[in-house]
């Protein structure tokens, strides 16, 4: 098995989660729009997307590296159960306490501040945790003896299979998230305005909590 021949639906799910994360105002587009409105610049909106995507990618990368590395050393059935319980627990925390979080970044934030804010928000929302259930089937495949095949066919020689998987998944996920965030940010900034959140937007916190719990249930069933 190699990255190019992995089941297409796995990469579709990874990209789909990136799109879903990009739609969530808490993941960055609302802050980018607010920053652009404050400075009255469309260019600021677009530039703000770079640190937002970078912080999100860093948060997801930490979880992916930890989760996929553990998958190579711990029994997969046990790891599935642990990840499932963590996801469901995170959903419960988000439902009870997540709405009380307040941004500590103001409208004068620079590149570093935006990156740090995005990293903290993505970590607190468990964005990277949602990727683990999607990638576990690949790790299960690596455990059946195909790791050597992947190692021999990966693009970068010398890169461990798990690292190659994590890098590819992170690239696909971040690209989908950045594209979605950019589209939504420009639509809100140029056409709809932030007032649309009061009348034309769903309760993303509720959807997000349900998604975390759903991913946990799926993980428990793997």
N, C-alpha and C. Protein backbone atom coordinates (compact mmCIF):
# COMPACT_ATOMS: atom_id res chain seq x y z
N UNK A 1 0.84 -1.19 0.00
CA UNK A 1 0.00 0.00 0.00
C UNK A 1 0.87 1.24 0.00
N UNK A 2 0.57 2.25 -0.83
CA UNK A 2 1.24 3.52 -0.76
C UNK A 2 0.22 4.63 -0.71
N UNK A 3 0.69 5.86 -0.60
CA UNK A 3 -0.22 6.98 -0.41
C UNK A 3 -1.16 7.16 -1.59
N UNK A 4 -0.66 6.91 -2.79
CA UNK A 4 -1.48 7.14 -3.98
C UNK A 4 -2.53 6.06 -4.18
N UNK A 5 -2.35 4.89 -3.58
CA UNK A 5 -3.32 3.81 -3.78
C UNK A 5 -4.16 3.54 -2.53
N UNK A 6 -4.04 4.39 -1.51
CA UNK A 6 -4.90 4.25 -0.35
C UNK A 6 -6.33 4.51 -0.77
N UNK A 7 -7.31 3.90 -0.08
CA UNK A 7 -8.71 4.09 -0.45
C UNK A 7 -9.07 5.57 -0.62
N UNK A 8 -9.71 5.88 -1.74
CA UNK A 8 -10.01 7.28 -2.06
C UNK A 8 -10.88 7.94 -1.01
N UNK A 9 -11.75 7.14 -0.37
CA UNK A 9 -12.69 7.74 0.58
C UNK A 9 -11.98 8.29 1.81
N UNK A 10 -10.81 7.72 2.14
CA UNK A 10 -10.07 8.23 3.29
C UNK A 10 -9.63 9.67 3.04
N UNK A 11 -9.10 9.90 1.84
CA UNK A 11 -8.64 11.25 1.51
C UNK A 11 -9.81 12.19 1.30
N UNK A 12 -10.95 11.66 0.84
CA UNK A 12 -12.15 12.48 0.71
C UNK A 12 -12.64 12.93 2.08
N UNK A 13 -12.57 12.02 3.06
CA UNK A 13 -12.98 12.37 4.42
C UNK A 13 -12.02 13.40 5.01
N UNK A 14 -10.72 13.23 4.78
CA UNK A 14 -9.73 14.18 5.30
C UNK A 14 -9.99 15.57 4.71
N UNK A 15 -10.25 15.62 3.40
CA UNK A 15 -10.55 16.91 2.75
C UNK A 15 -11.90 17.45 3.23
N UNK A 16 -12.87 16.55 3.42
CA UNK A 16 -14.18 16.98 3.90
C UNK A 16 -14.11 17.59 5.28
N UNK A 17 -13.29 17.00 6.15
CA UNK A 17 -13.11 17.56 7.48
C UNK A 17 -12.44 18.93 7.40
N UNK A 18 -11.53 19.10 6.45
CA UNK A 18 -10.92 20.41 6.26
C UNK A 18 -11.95 21.45 5.84
N UNK A 19 -12.86 21.04 4.95
CA UNK A 19 -13.94 21.93 4.54
C UNK A 19 -14.85 22.27 5.72
N UNK A 20 -15.19 21.26 6.50
CA UNK A 20 -16.04 21.46 7.67
C UNK A 20 -15.38 22.40 8.67
N UNK A 21 -14.09 22.21 8.92
CA UNK A 21 -13.37 23.08 9.84
C UNK A 21 -13.30 24.50 9.30
N UNK A 22 -13.16 24.64 7.99
CA UNK A 22 -13.10 25.96 7.39
C UNK A 22 -14.41 26.73 7.51
N UNK A 23 -15.53 26.01 7.57
CA UNK A 23 -16.84 26.66 7.70
C UNK A 23 -17.09 27.18 9.11
N UNK A 24 -16.39 26.63 10.09
CA UNK A 24 -16.60 27.02 11.48
C UNK A 24 -16.00 28.40 11.73
N UNK A 25 -16.81 29.38 12.16
CA UNK A 25 -16.27 30.72 12.43
C UNK A 25 -15.14 30.71 13.45
N UNK A 26 -15.21 29.78 14.41
CA UNK A 26 -14.19 29.73 15.46
C UNK A 26 -12.83 29.32 14.92
N UNK A 27 -12.80 28.70 13.75
CA UNK A 27 -11.52 28.26 13.18
C UNK A 27 -10.77 29.38 12.48
N UNK A 28 -11.40 30.56 12.31
CA UNK A 28 -10.60 31.66 11.79
C UNK A 28 -11.25 32.66 10.85
N UNK A 29 -12.24 32.24 10.05
CA UNK A 29 -12.72 33.18 9.05
C UNK A 29 -13.41 34.40 9.67
N UNK A 30 -14.07 34.20 10.80
CA UNK A 30 -14.75 35.33 11.45
C UNK A 30 -13.73 36.35 11.93
N UNK A 31 -12.62 35.89 12.48
CA UNK A 31 -11.58 36.80 12.94
C UNK A 31 -10.94 37.52 11.76
N UNK A 32 -10.71 36.78 10.66
CA UNK A 32 -10.12 37.41 9.47
C UNK A 32 -11.02 38.51 8.93
N UNK A 33 -12.33 38.24 8.89
CA UNK A 33 -13.27 39.24 8.41
C UNK A 33 -13.31 40.45 9.34
N UNK A 34 -13.37 40.18 10.64
CA UNK A 34 -13.41 41.27 11.61
C UNK A 34 -12.15 42.13 11.51
N UNK A 35 -11.01 41.47 11.34
CA UNK A 35 -9.75 42.21 11.21
C UNK A 35 -9.76 43.06 9.94
N UNK A 36 -10.29 42.49 8.84
CA UNK A 36 -10.38 43.24 7.59
C UNK A 36 -11.32 44.42 7.69
N UNK A 37 -12.45 44.24 8.38
CA UNK A 37 -13.40 45.34 8.56
C UNK A 37 -12.80 46.44 9.43
N UNK A 38 -12.07 46.02 10.45
CA UNK A 38 -11.45 47.00 11.35
C UNK A 38 -10.44 47.86 10.60
N UNK A 39 -9.68 47.22 9.72
CA UNK A 39 -8.65 47.95 8.97
C UNK A 39 -9.13 48.38 7.59
N UNK A 40 -10.38 48.05 7.29
CA UNK A 40 -11.01 48.44 6.03
C UNK A 40 -10.16 48.02 4.82
N UNK A 41 -9.79 46.77 4.83
CA UNK A 41 -8.93 46.26 3.77
C UNK A 41 -9.25 44.81 3.44
N UNK A 42 -9.55 44.56 2.17
CA UNK A 42 -9.77 43.20 1.69
C UNK A 42 -8.47 42.41 1.73
N UNK A 43 -7.37 43.12 1.50
CA UNK A 43 -6.05 42.49 1.51
C UNK A 43 -5.73 41.93 2.89
N UNK A 44 -6.14 42.65 3.94
CA UNK A 44 -5.90 42.18 5.30
C UNK A 44 -6.64 40.87 5.56
N UNK A 45 -7.85 40.75 5.00
CA UNK A 45 -8.62 39.52 5.15
C UNK A 45 -7.84 38.34 4.58
N UNK A 46 -7.31 38.51 3.38
CA UNK A 46 -6.58 37.44 2.71
C UNK A 46 -5.27 37.12 3.44
N UNK A 47 -4.56 38.16 3.89
CA UNK A 47 -3.30 37.93 4.59
C UNK A 47 -3.52 37.23 5.92
N UNK A 48 -4.65 37.52 6.57
CA UNK A 48 -4.94 36.89 7.87
C UNK A 48 -5.17 35.40 7.74
N UNK A 49 -5.52 34.94 6.55
CA UNK A 49 -5.79 33.52 6.35
C UNK A 49 -4.52 32.68 6.47
N UNK A 50 -3.36 33.28 6.18
CA UNK A 50 -2.10 32.53 6.23
C UNK A 50 -1.77 32.07 7.65
N UNK A 51 -1.69 32.98 8.63
CA UNK A 51 -1.42 32.51 10.00
C UNK A 51 -2.55 31.66 10.57
N UNK A 52 -3.79 31.93 10.17
CA UNK A 52 -4.91 31.12 10.63
C UNK A 52 -4.73 29.67 10.18
N UNK A 53 -4.40 29.48 8.90
CA UNK A 53 -4.18 28.13 8.37
C UNK A 53 -2.95 27.48 8.98
N UNK A 54 -1.90 28.27 9.20
CA UNK A 54 -0.67 27.75 9.78
C UNK A 54 -0.91 27.25 11.20
N UNK A 55 -1.60 28.05 12.02
CA UNK A 55 -1.89 27.63 13.39
C UNK A 55 -2.75 26.39 13.43
N UNK A 56 -3.74 26.32 12.54
CA UNK A 56 -4.60 25.14 12.46
C UNK A 56 -3.79 23.90 12.08
N UNK A 57 -2.90 24.06 11.10
CA UNK A 57 -2.08 22.93 10.65
C UNK A 57 -1.14 22.46 11.76
N UNK A 58 -0.58 23.39 12.51
CA UNK A 58 0.32 23.02 13.61
C UNK A 58 -0.43 22.24 14.69
N UNK A 59 -1.65 22.68 15.01
CA UNK A 59 -2.44 21.97 16.02
C UNK A 59 -2.79 20.57 15.56
N UNK A 60 -3.23 20.46 14.29
CA UNK A 60 -3.57 19.14 13.75
C UNK A 60 -2.35 18.24 13.66
N UNK A 61 -1.19 18.83 13.30
CA UNK A 61 0.03 18.05 13.17
C UNK A 61 0.44 17.42 14.50
N UNK A 62 0.30 18.15 15.58
CA UNK A 62 0.66 17.62 16.90
C UNK A 62 -0.16 16.38 17.22
N UNK A 63 -1.45 16.45 16.93
CA UNK A 63 -2.33 15.33 17.23
C UNK A 63 -2.05 14.16 16.29
N UNK A 64 -1.84 14.45 15.01
CA UNK A 64 -1.59 13.39 14.04
C UNK A 64 -0.30 12.64 14.37
N UNK A 65 0.75 13.36 14.67
CA UNK A 65 2.03 12.72 14.98
C UNK A 65 1.89 11.83 16.21
N UNK A 66 1.23 12.35 17.24
CA UNK A 66 1.06 11.56 18.46
C UNK A 66 0.17 10.35 18.21
N UNK A 67 -0.97 10.56 17.55
CA UNK A 67 -1.91 9.47 17.34
C UNK A 67 -1.38 8.38 16.42
N UNK A 68 -0.79 8.79 15.30
CA UNK A 68 -0.29 7.80 14.34
C UNK A 68 0.96 7.10 14.84
N UNK A 69 1.76 7.80 15.64
CA UNK A 69 2.94 7.14 16.22
C UNK A 69 2.51 6.07 17.22
N UNK A 70 1.52 6.40 18.04
CA UNK A 70 1.02 5.42 19.00
C UNK A 70 0.42 4.20 18.30
N UNK A 71 -0.16 4.44 17.11
CA UNK A 71 -0.79 3.34 16.39
C UNK A 71 0.22 2.29 15.95
N UNK A 72 1.50 2.67 15.89
CA UNK A 72 2.53 1.72 15.47
C UNK A 72 3.10 0.92 16.65
N UNK A 73 2.73 1.33 17.87
CA UNK A 73 3.30 0.66 19.05
C UNK A 73 2.25 0.07 19.98
N UNK A 74 1.01 0.52 19.88
CA UNK A 74 -0.06 0.07 20.76
C UNK A 74 -1.07 -0.75 19.96
N UNK A 75 -1.64 -1.75 20.60
CA UNK A 75 -2.69 -2.54 19.96
C UNK A 75 -3.78 -1.62 19.41
N UNK A 76 -4.14 -1.82 18.14
CA UNK A 76 -5.06 -0.91 17.48
C UNK A 76 -6.45 -0.91 18.10
N UNK A 77 -6.90 -2.06 18.54
CA UNK A 77 -8.22 -2.11 19.17
C UNK A 77 -8.23 -1.27 20.45
N UNK A 78 -7.17 -1.38 21.22
CA UNK A 78 -7.09 -0.58 22.44
C UNK A 78 -6.98 0.90 22.11
N UNK A 79 -6.17 1.25 21.09
CA UNK A 79 -6.01 2.64 20.71
C UNK A 79 -7.32 3.22 20.19
N UNK A 80 -8.08 2.42 19.44
CA UNK A 80 -9.39 2.88 18.96
C UNK A 80 -10.30 3.23 20.13
N UNK A 81 -10.30 2.39 21.15
CA UNK A 81 -11.16 2.63 22.30
C UNK A 81 -10.72 3.90 23.04
N UNK A 82 -9.42 4.05 23.20
CA UNK A 82 -8.90 5.23 23.91
C UNK A 82 -9.26 6.51 23.14
N UNK A 83 -9.02 6.50 21.83
CA UNK A 83 -9.32 7.68 21.01
C UNK A 83 -10.81 7.98 21.02
N UNK A 84 -11.63 6.93 20.97
CA UNK A 84 -13.07 7.12 20.99
C UNK A 84 -13.54 7.78 22.28
N UNK A 85 -13.01 7.30 23.40
CA UNK A 85 -13.38 7.88 24.70
C UNK A 85 -12.91 9.33 24.79
N UNK A 86 -11.70 9.62 24.29
CA UNK A 86 -11.19 10.99 24.31
C UNK A 86 -12.08 11.91 23.49
N UNK A 87 -12.48 11.47 22.31
CA UNK A 87 -13.34 12.29 21.45
C UNK A 87 -14.69 12.56 22.10
N UNK A 88 -15.29 11.54 22.66
CA UNK A 88 -16.59 11.72 23.32
C UNK A 88 -16.43 12.62 24.55
N UNK A 89 -15.36 12.43 25.30
CA UNK A 89 -15.10 13.28 26.45
C UNK A 89 -14.87 14.73 26.04
N UNK A 90 -14.16 14.90 24.93
CA UNK A 90 -13.90 16.26 24.42
C UNK A 90 -15.21 16.91 23.98
N UNK A 91 -16.09 16.13 23.38
CA UNK A 91 -17.41 16.65 22.98
C UNK A 91 -18.19 17.10 24.20
N UNK A 92 -18.13 16.31 25.28
CA UNK A 92 -18.84 16.67 26.51
C UNK A 92 -18.28 17.95 27.10
N UNK A 93 -16.95 18.07 27.12
CA UNK A 93 -16.32 19.30 27.62
C UNK A 93 -16.73 20.50 26.78
N UNK A 94 -16.73 20.31 25.46
CA UNK A 94 -17.08 21.41 24.57
C UNK A 94 -18.52 21.84 24.78
N UNK A 95 -19.40 20.89 25.03
CA UNK A 95 -20.81 21.22 25.25
C UNK A 95 -21.01 21.98 26.56
N UNK A 96 -20.21 21.65 27.57
CA UNK A 96 -20.39 22.25 28.89
C UNK A 96 -19.58 23.52 29.09
N UNK A 97 -18.36 23.55 28.51
CA UNK A 97 -17.45 24.66 28.80
C UNK A 97 -16.96 25.40 27.57
N UNK A 98 -17.06 24.79 26.40
CA UNK A 98 -16.46 25.39 25.21
C UNK A 98 -16.99 26.76 24.87
N UNK A 99 -18.29 27.01 25.11
CA UNK A 99 -18.88 28.29 24.76
C UNK A 99 -18.41 29.43 25.66
N UNK A 100 -17.73 29.09 26.76
CA UNK A 100 -17.25 30.11 27.68
C UNK A 100 -15.88 30.64 27.29
N UNK A 101 -15.28 30.07 26.26
CA UNK A 101 -13.96 30.51 25.84
C UNK A 101 -14.05 31.91 25.24
N UNK A 102 -13.07 32.75 25.51
CA UNK A 102 -13.02 34.10 24.99
C UNK A 102 -11.68 34.33 24.31
N UNK A 103 -11.73 34.99 23.18
CA UNK A 103 -10.50 35.28 22.45
C UNK A 103 -9.68 36.32 23.20
N UNK A 104 -8.37 36.09 23.29
CA UNK A 104 -7.46 37.04 23.94
C UNK A 104 -6.67 37.82 22.91
N UNK A 105 -7.03 37.70 21.63
CA UNK A 105 -6.32 38.37 20.55
C UNK A 105 -7.15 39.54 20.08
N UNK A 106 -6.56 40.72 20.03
CA UNK A 106 -7.28 41.92 19.61
C UNK A 106 -7.13 42.21 18.12
N UNK A 107 -7.67 43.35 17.72
CA UNK A 107 -7.65 43.71 16.31
C UNK A 107 -6.30 44.23 15.84
N UNK A 108 -5.33 44.32 16.74
CA UNK A 108 -3.99 44.74 16.37
C UNK A 108 -3.03 43.55 16.29
N UNK A 109 -3.57 42.35 16.27
CA UNK A 109 -2.73 41.14 16.28
C UNK A 109 -1.86 41.07 15.03
N UNK A 110 -0.63 40.59 15.22
CA UNK A 110 0.26 40.38 14.10
C UNK A 110 0.28 38.93 13.67
N UNK A 111 1.25 38.57 12.83
CA UNK A 111 1.34 37.21 12.28
C UNK A 111 1.49 36.18 13.39
N UNK A 112 2.40 36.45 14.34
CA UNK A 112 2.66 35.49 15.42
C UNK A 112 1.43 35.35 16.31
N UNK A 113 0.80 36.48 16.63
CA UNK A 113 -0.39 36.43 17.48
C UNK A 113 -1.53 35.66 16.86
N UNK A 114 -1.75 35.86 15.56
CA UNK A 114 -2.81 35.14 14.86
C UNK A 114 -2.51 33.65 14.79
N UNK A 115 -1.25 33.32 14.54
CA UNK A 115 -0.86 31.91 14.47
C UNK A 115 -1.09 31.22 15.81
N UNK A 116 -0.65 31.89 16.90
CA UNK A 116 -0.82 31.32 18.24
C UNK A 116 -2.30 31.19 18.58
N UNK A 117 -3.10 32.20 18.23
CA UNK A 117 -4.54 32.15 18.50
C UNK A 117 -5.20 30.99 17.76
N UNK A 118 -4.84 30.83 16.48
CA UNK A 118 -5.42 29.75 15.68
C UNK A 118 -5.01 28.40 16.23
N UNK A 119 -3.76 28.27 16.66
CA UNK A 119 -3.27 27.02 17.24
C UNK A 119 -4.07 26.66 18.50
N UNK A 120 -4.26 27.64 19.38
CA UNK A 120 -4.99 27.39 20.62
C UNK A 120 -6.45 27.04 20.35
N UNK A 121 -7.10 27.78 19.46
CA UNK A 121 -8.50 27.54 19.15
C UNK A 121 -8.69 26.16 18.52
N UNK A 122 -7.82 25.81 17.58
CA UNK A 122 -7.94 24.51 16.91
C UNK A 122 -7.70 23.37 17.89
N UNK A 123 -6.74 23.57 18.80
CA UNK A 123 -6.45 22.54 19.80
C UNK A 123 -7.62 22.40 20.76
N UNK A 124 -8.16 23.53 21.22
CA UNK A 124 -9.26 23.49 22.18
C UNK A 124 -10.52 22.88 21.58
N UNK A 125 -10.71 23.06 20.27
CA UNK A 125 -11.89 22.50 19.62
C UNK A 125 -11.68 21.05 19.19
N UNK A 126 -10.48 20.53 19.39
CA UNK A 126 -10.22 19.13 19.03
C UNK A 126 -10.23 18.87 17.54
N UNK A 127 -9.80 19.88 16.75
CA UNK A 127 -9.84 19.74 15.30
C UNK A 127 -8.99 18.56 14.81
N UNK A 128 -7.78 18.43 15.37
CA UNK A 128 -6.91 17.34 14.94
C UNK A 128 -7.43 15.98 15.34
N UNK A 129 -8.15 15.91 16.46
CA UNK A 129 -8.67 14.62 16.93
C UNK A 129 -9.64 14.00 15.93
N UNK A 130 -10.34 14.84 15.17
CA UNK A 130 -11.31 14.32 14.20
C UNK A 130 -10.64 13.57 13.06
N UNK A 131 -9.36 13.84 12.83
CA UNK A 131 -8.66 13.20 11.73
C UNK A 131 -8.24 11.76 12.05
N UNK A 132 -8.09 11.46 13.34
CA UNK A 132 -7.60 10.14 13.73
C UNK A 132 -8.50 9.00 13.23
N UNK A 133 -9.83 9.07 13.42
CA UNK A 133 -10.67 7.96 12.92
C UNK A 133 -10.55 7.75 11.42
N UNK A 134 -10.34 8.84 10.67
CA UNK A 134 -10.24 8.72 9.21
C UNK A 134 -8.94 8.03 8.79
N UNK A 135 -7.87 8.24 9.56
CA UNK A 135 -6.56 7.71 9.17
C UNK A 135 -6.22 6.37 9.80
N UNK A 136 -6.98 5.95 10.79
CA UNK A 136 -6.69 4.67 11.42
C UNK A 136 -6.74 3.48 10.46
N UNK A 137 -7.66 3.46 9.46
CA UNK A 137 -7.63 2.33 8.51
C UNK A 137 -6.29 2.19 7.79
N UNK A 138 -5.64 3.33 7.49
CA UNK A 138 -4.33 3.27 6.84
C UNK A 138 -3.31 2.65 7.80
N UNK A 139 -3.37 3.08 9.06
CA UNK A 139 -2.44 2.53 10.05
C UNK A 139 -2.67 1.05 10.27
N UNK A 140 -3.94 0.64 10.21
CA UNK A 140 -4.24 -0.79 10.32
C UNK A 140 -3.59 -1.55 9.17
N UNK A 141 -3.58 -0.91 7.99
CA UNK A 141 -2.93 -1.54 6.84
C UNK A 141 -1.43 -1.64 7.01
N UNK A 142 -0.84 -0.62 7.65
CA UNK A 142 0.60 -0.65 7.87
C UNK A 142 1.00 -1.78 8.82
N UNK A 143 0.09 -2.14 9.71
CA UNK A 143 0.43 -3.15 10.71
C UNK A 143 0.38 -4.56 10.15
N UNK A 144 -0.16 -4.73 8.92
CA UNK A 144 -0.29 -6.10 8.40
C UNK A 144 0.88 -6.50 7.50
N UNK A 145 1.97 -5.69 7.59
CA UNK A 145 3.15 -6.06 6.82
C UNK A 145 3.37 -5.23 5.58
N UNK A 146 2.48 -4.29 5.31
CA UNK A 146 2.62 -3.47 4.10
C UNK A 146 3.47 -2.24 4.35
N UNK A 147 3.96 -2.06 5.58
CA UNK A 147 4.78 -0.90 5.86
C UNK A 147 6.03 -0.89 5.00
N UNK A 148 6.60 -2.07 4.78
CA UNK A 148 7.81 -2.13 3.96
C UNK A 148 7.52 -1.72 2.53
N UNK A 149 6.34 -2.10 2.03
CA UNK A 149 5.96 -1.71 0.67
C UNK A 149 5.83 -0.21 0.57
N UNK A 150 5.15 0.39 1.56
CA UNK A 150 5.00 1.83 1.55
C UNK A 150 6.34 2.52 1.67
N UNK A 151 7.18 2.00 2.54
CA UNK A 151 8.49 2.61 2.73
C UNK A 151 9.29 2.59 1.44
N UNK A 152 9.08 1.55 0.62
CA UNK A 152 9.84 1.45 -0.61
C UNK A 152 9.27 2.27 -1.75
N UNK A 153 8.04 2.71 -1.63
CA UNK A 153 7.41 3.44 -2.73
C UNK A 153 7.08 4.87 -2.38
N UNK A 154 7.39 5.32 -1.15
CA UNK A 154 7.06 6.69 -0.78
C UNK A 154 7.90 7.67 -1.58
N UNK A 155 7.38 8.89 -1.69
CA UNK A 155 8.02 9.91 -2.52
C UNK A 155 9.37 10.31 -1.96
N UNK A 156 9.47 10.53 -0.66
CA UNK A 156 10.71 10.96 -0.05
C UNK A 156 11.37 9.76 0.62
N UNK A 157 12.48 9.31 0.07
CA UNK A 157 13.17 8.16 0.63
C UNK A 157 13.68 8.51 2.02
N UNK A 158 13.59 7.56 2.91
CA UNK A 158 14.07 7.78 4.26
C UNK A 158 13.01 8.32 5.20
N UNK A 159 11.86 8.73 4.68
CA UNK A 159 10.78 9.24 5.53
C UNK A 159 9.97 8.07 6.04
N UNK A 160 9.78 7.95 7.35
CA UNK A 160 8.98 6.85 7.91
C UNK A 160 7.57 6.86 7.33
N UNK A 161 6.97 5.68 7.13
CA UNK A 161 5.62 5.61 6.57
C UNK A 161 4.60 6.45 7.32
N UNK A 162 4.65 6.41 8.66
CA UNK A 162 3.69 7.19 9.44
C UNK A 162 3.86 8.67 9.18
N UNK A 163 5.11 9.13 9.08
CA UNK A 163 5.36 10.54 8.82
C UNK A 163 4.85 10.94 7.44
N UNK A 164 5.03 10.05 6.46
CA UNK A 164 4.54 10.34 5.10
C UNK A 164 3.02 10.44 5.08
N UNK A 165 2.35 9.54 5.80
CA UNK A 165 0.89 9.57 5.89
C UNK A 165 0.42 10.85 6.56
N UNK A 166 1.04 11.19 7.69
CA UNK A 166 0.65 12.38 8.43
C UNK A 166 0.86 13.64 7.60
N UNK A 167 1.98 13.70 6.88
CA UNK A 167 2.27 14.88 6.06
C UNK A 167 1.27 15.02 4.92
N UNK A 168 0.95 13.91 4.25
CA UNK A 168 0.00 13.95 3.15
C UNK A 168 -1.39 14.33 3.64
N UNK A 169 -1.81 13.73 4.74
CA UNK A 169 -3.13 14.04 5.29
C UNK A 169 -3.21 15.49 5.74
N UNK A 170 -2.15 15.97 6.36
CA UNK A 170 -2.13 17.34 6.83
C UNK A 170 -2.19 18.32 5.65
N UNK A 171 -1.48 18.01 4.57
CA UNK A 171 -1.49 18.88 3.40
C UNK A 171 -2.88 18.95 2.77
N UNK A 172 -3.53 17.79 2.61
CA UNK A 172 -4.86 17.75 2.02
C UNK A 172 -5.86 18.47 2.91
N UNK A 173 -5.80 18.18 4.21
CA UNK A 173 -6.73 18.78 5.16
C UNK A 173 -6.57 20.30 5.21
N UNK A 174 -5.32 20.77 5.30
CA UNK A 174 -5.07 22.21 5.42
C UNK A 174 -5.46 22.95 4.14
N UNK A 175 -5.20 22.34 2.99
CA UNK A 175 -5.57 22.98 1.72
C UNK A 175 -7.08 23.15 1.62
N UNK A 176 -7.82 22.11 2.01
CA UNK A 176 -9.29 22.20 1.97
C UNK A 176 -9.79 23.24 2.97
N UNK A 177 -9.19 23.26 4.15
CA UNK A 177 -9.59 24.22 5.18
C UNK A 177 -9.29 25.65 4.72
N UNK A 178 -8.12 25.88 4.15
CA UNK A 178 -7.73 27.22 3.70
C UNK A 178 -8.62 27.71 2.56
N UNK A 179 -8.92 26.82 1.62
CA UNK A 179 -9.78 27.19 0.50
C UNK A 179 -11.17 27.58 0.99
N UNK A 180 -11.72 26.76 1.87
CA UNK A 180 -13.06 27.04 2.40
C UNK A 180 -13.08 28.32 3.22
N UNK A 181 -12.09 28.49 4.08
CA UNK A 181 -12.01 29.69 4.90
C UNK A 181 -11.90 30.94 4.03
N UNK A 182 -11.09 30.84 2.98
CA UNK A 182 -10.92 31.99 2.09
C UNK A 182 -12.22 32.35 1.38
N UNK A 183 -12.93 31.35 0.88
CA UNK A 183 -14.18 31.61 0.16
C UNK A 183 -15.21 32.23 1.09
N UNK A 184 -15.38 31.65 2.27
CA UNK A 184 -16.37 32.18 3.22
C UNK A 184 -15.99 33.59 3.67
N UNK A 185 -14.71 33.81 3.95
CA UNK A 185 -14.25 35.12 4.40
C UNK A 185 -14.56 36.20 3.37
N UNK A 186 -14.28 35.93 2.11
CA UNK A 186 -14.52 36.92 1.06
C UNK A 186 -16.00 37.15 0.83
N UNK A 187 -16.79 36.07 0.91
CA UNK A 187 -18.24 36.23 0.73
C UNK A 187 -18.83 37.10 1.84
N UNK A 188 -18.41 36.84 3.07
CA UNK A 188 -18.93 37.61 4.19
C UNK A 188 -18.43 39.05 4.13
N UNK A 189 -17.15 39.23 3.82
CA UNK A 189 -16.57 40.57 3.77
C UNK A 189 -17.13 41.41 2.63
N UNK A 190 -17.25 40.81 1.44
CA UNK A 190 -17.66 41.56 0.25
C UNK A 190 -19.17 41.70 0.09
N UNK A 191 -19.92 40.70 0.59
CA UNK A 191 -21.34 40.68 0.26
C UNK A 191 -22.30 40.63 1.44
N UNK A 192 -22.11 39.66 2.32
CA UNK A 192 -23.12 39.42 3.35
C UNK A 192 -22.92 40.22 4.62
N UNK A 193 -21.67 40.42 5.04
CA UNK A 193 -21.42 41.10 6.30
C UNK A 193 -21.60 40.15 7.48
N UNK A 194 -21.01 40.51 8.62
CA UNK A 194 -21.05 39.63 9.78
C UNK A 194 -22.46 39.54 10.38
N UNK A 195 -23.34 40.45 10.00
CA UNK A 195 -24.72 40.39 10.52
C UNK A 195 -25.44 39.13 10.07
N UNK A 196 -24.95 38.49 9.00
CA UNK A 196 -25.59 37.28 8.49
C UNK A 196 -25.56 36.15 9.52
N UNK A 197 -24.61 36.22 10.48
CA UNK A 197 -24.52 35.18 11.49
C UNK A 197 -25.77 35.12 12.37
N UNK A 198 -26.47 36.23 12.46
CA UNK A 198 -27.66 36.27 13.31
C UNK A 198 -28.88 35.65 12.65
N UNK A 199 -28.90 35.63 11.32
CA UNK A 199 -30.12 35.17 10.63
C UNK A 199 -29.88 34.04 9.65
N UNK A 200 -28.64 33.87 9.15
CA UNK A 200 -28.40 32.93 8.06
C UNK A 200 -27.35 31.88 8.40
N UNK A 201 -27.06 31.69 9.69
CA UNK A 201 -26.00 30.75 10.04
C UNK A 201 -26.52 29.75 11.07
N UNK A 202 -26.08 28.53 10.96
CA UNK A 202 -26.51 27.50 11.89
C UNK A 202 -25.69 27.58 13.18
N UNK A 203 -26.14 26.88 14.19
CA UNK A 203 -25.40 26.81 15.45
C UNK A 203 -24.22 25.87 15.26
N UNK A 204 -23.08 26.44 14.87
CA UNK A 204 -21.91 25.63 14.55
C UNK A 204 -21.37 24.92 15.80
N UNK A 205 -21.49 25.55 16.96
CA UNK A 205 -21.02 24.91 18.19
C UNK A 205 -21.75 23.59 18.43
N UNK A 206 -23.05 23.60 18.18
CA UNK A 206 -23.84 22.37 18.37
C UNK A 206 -23.43 21.31 17.36
N UNK A 207 -23.26 21.73 16.09
CA UNK A 207 -22.84 20.80 15.04
C UNK A 207 -21.45 20.25 15.35
N UNK A 208 -20.57 21.12 15.82
CA UNK A 208 -19.19 20.72 16.13
C UNK A 208 -19.16 19.69 17.26
N UNK A 209 -19.95 19.95 18.30
CA UNK A 209 -20.01 19.02 19.42
C UNK A 209 -20.53 17.65 18.98
N UNK A 210 -21.59 17.69 18.16
CA UNK A 210 -22.15 16.44 17.64
C UNK A 210 -21.14 15.70 16.77
N UNK A 211 -20.33 16.44 16.01
CA UNK A 211 -19.32 15.82 15.15
C UNK A 211 -18.23 15.15 15.97
N UNK A 212 -17.79 15.81 17.02
CA UNK A 212 -16.79 15.20 17.91
C UNK A 212 -17.32 13.90 18.50
N UNK A 213 -18.55 13.96 19.00
CA UNK A 213 -19.15 12.77 19.58
C UNK A 213 -19.32 11.67 18.54
N UNK A 214 -19.74 12.06 17.33
CA UNK A 214 -19.92 11.09 16.26
C UNK A 214 -18.62 10.41 15.87
N UNK A 215 -17.54 11.21 15.78
CA UNK A 215 -16.24 10.62 15.48
C UNK A 215 -15.81 9.65 16.58
N UNK A 216 -16.13 9.99 17.84
CA UNK A 216 -15.79 9.10 18.93
C UNK A 216 -16.54 7.79 18.85
N UNK A 217 -17.83 7.86 18.52
CA UNK A 217 -18.62 6.63 18.37
C UNK A 217 -18.07 5.77 17.23
N UNK A 218 -17.71 6.41 16.12
CA UNK A 218 -17.14 5.67 14.99
C UNK A 218 -15.84 4.99 15.41
N UNK A 219 -15.02 5.73 16.17
CA UNK A 219 -13.75 5.17 16.63
C UNK A 219 -13.96 3.96 17.53
N UNK A 220 -14.96 4.01 18.38
CA UNK A 220 -15.25 2.88 19.26
C UNK A 220 -15.70 1.66 18.49
N UNK A 221 -16.28 1.90 17.31
CA UNK A 221 -16.78 0.79 16.51
C UNK A 221 -15.77 0.20 15.55
N UNK A 222 -14.58 0.82 15.44
CA UNK A 222 -13.58 0.30 14.51
C UNK A 222 -12.93 -0.96 15.07
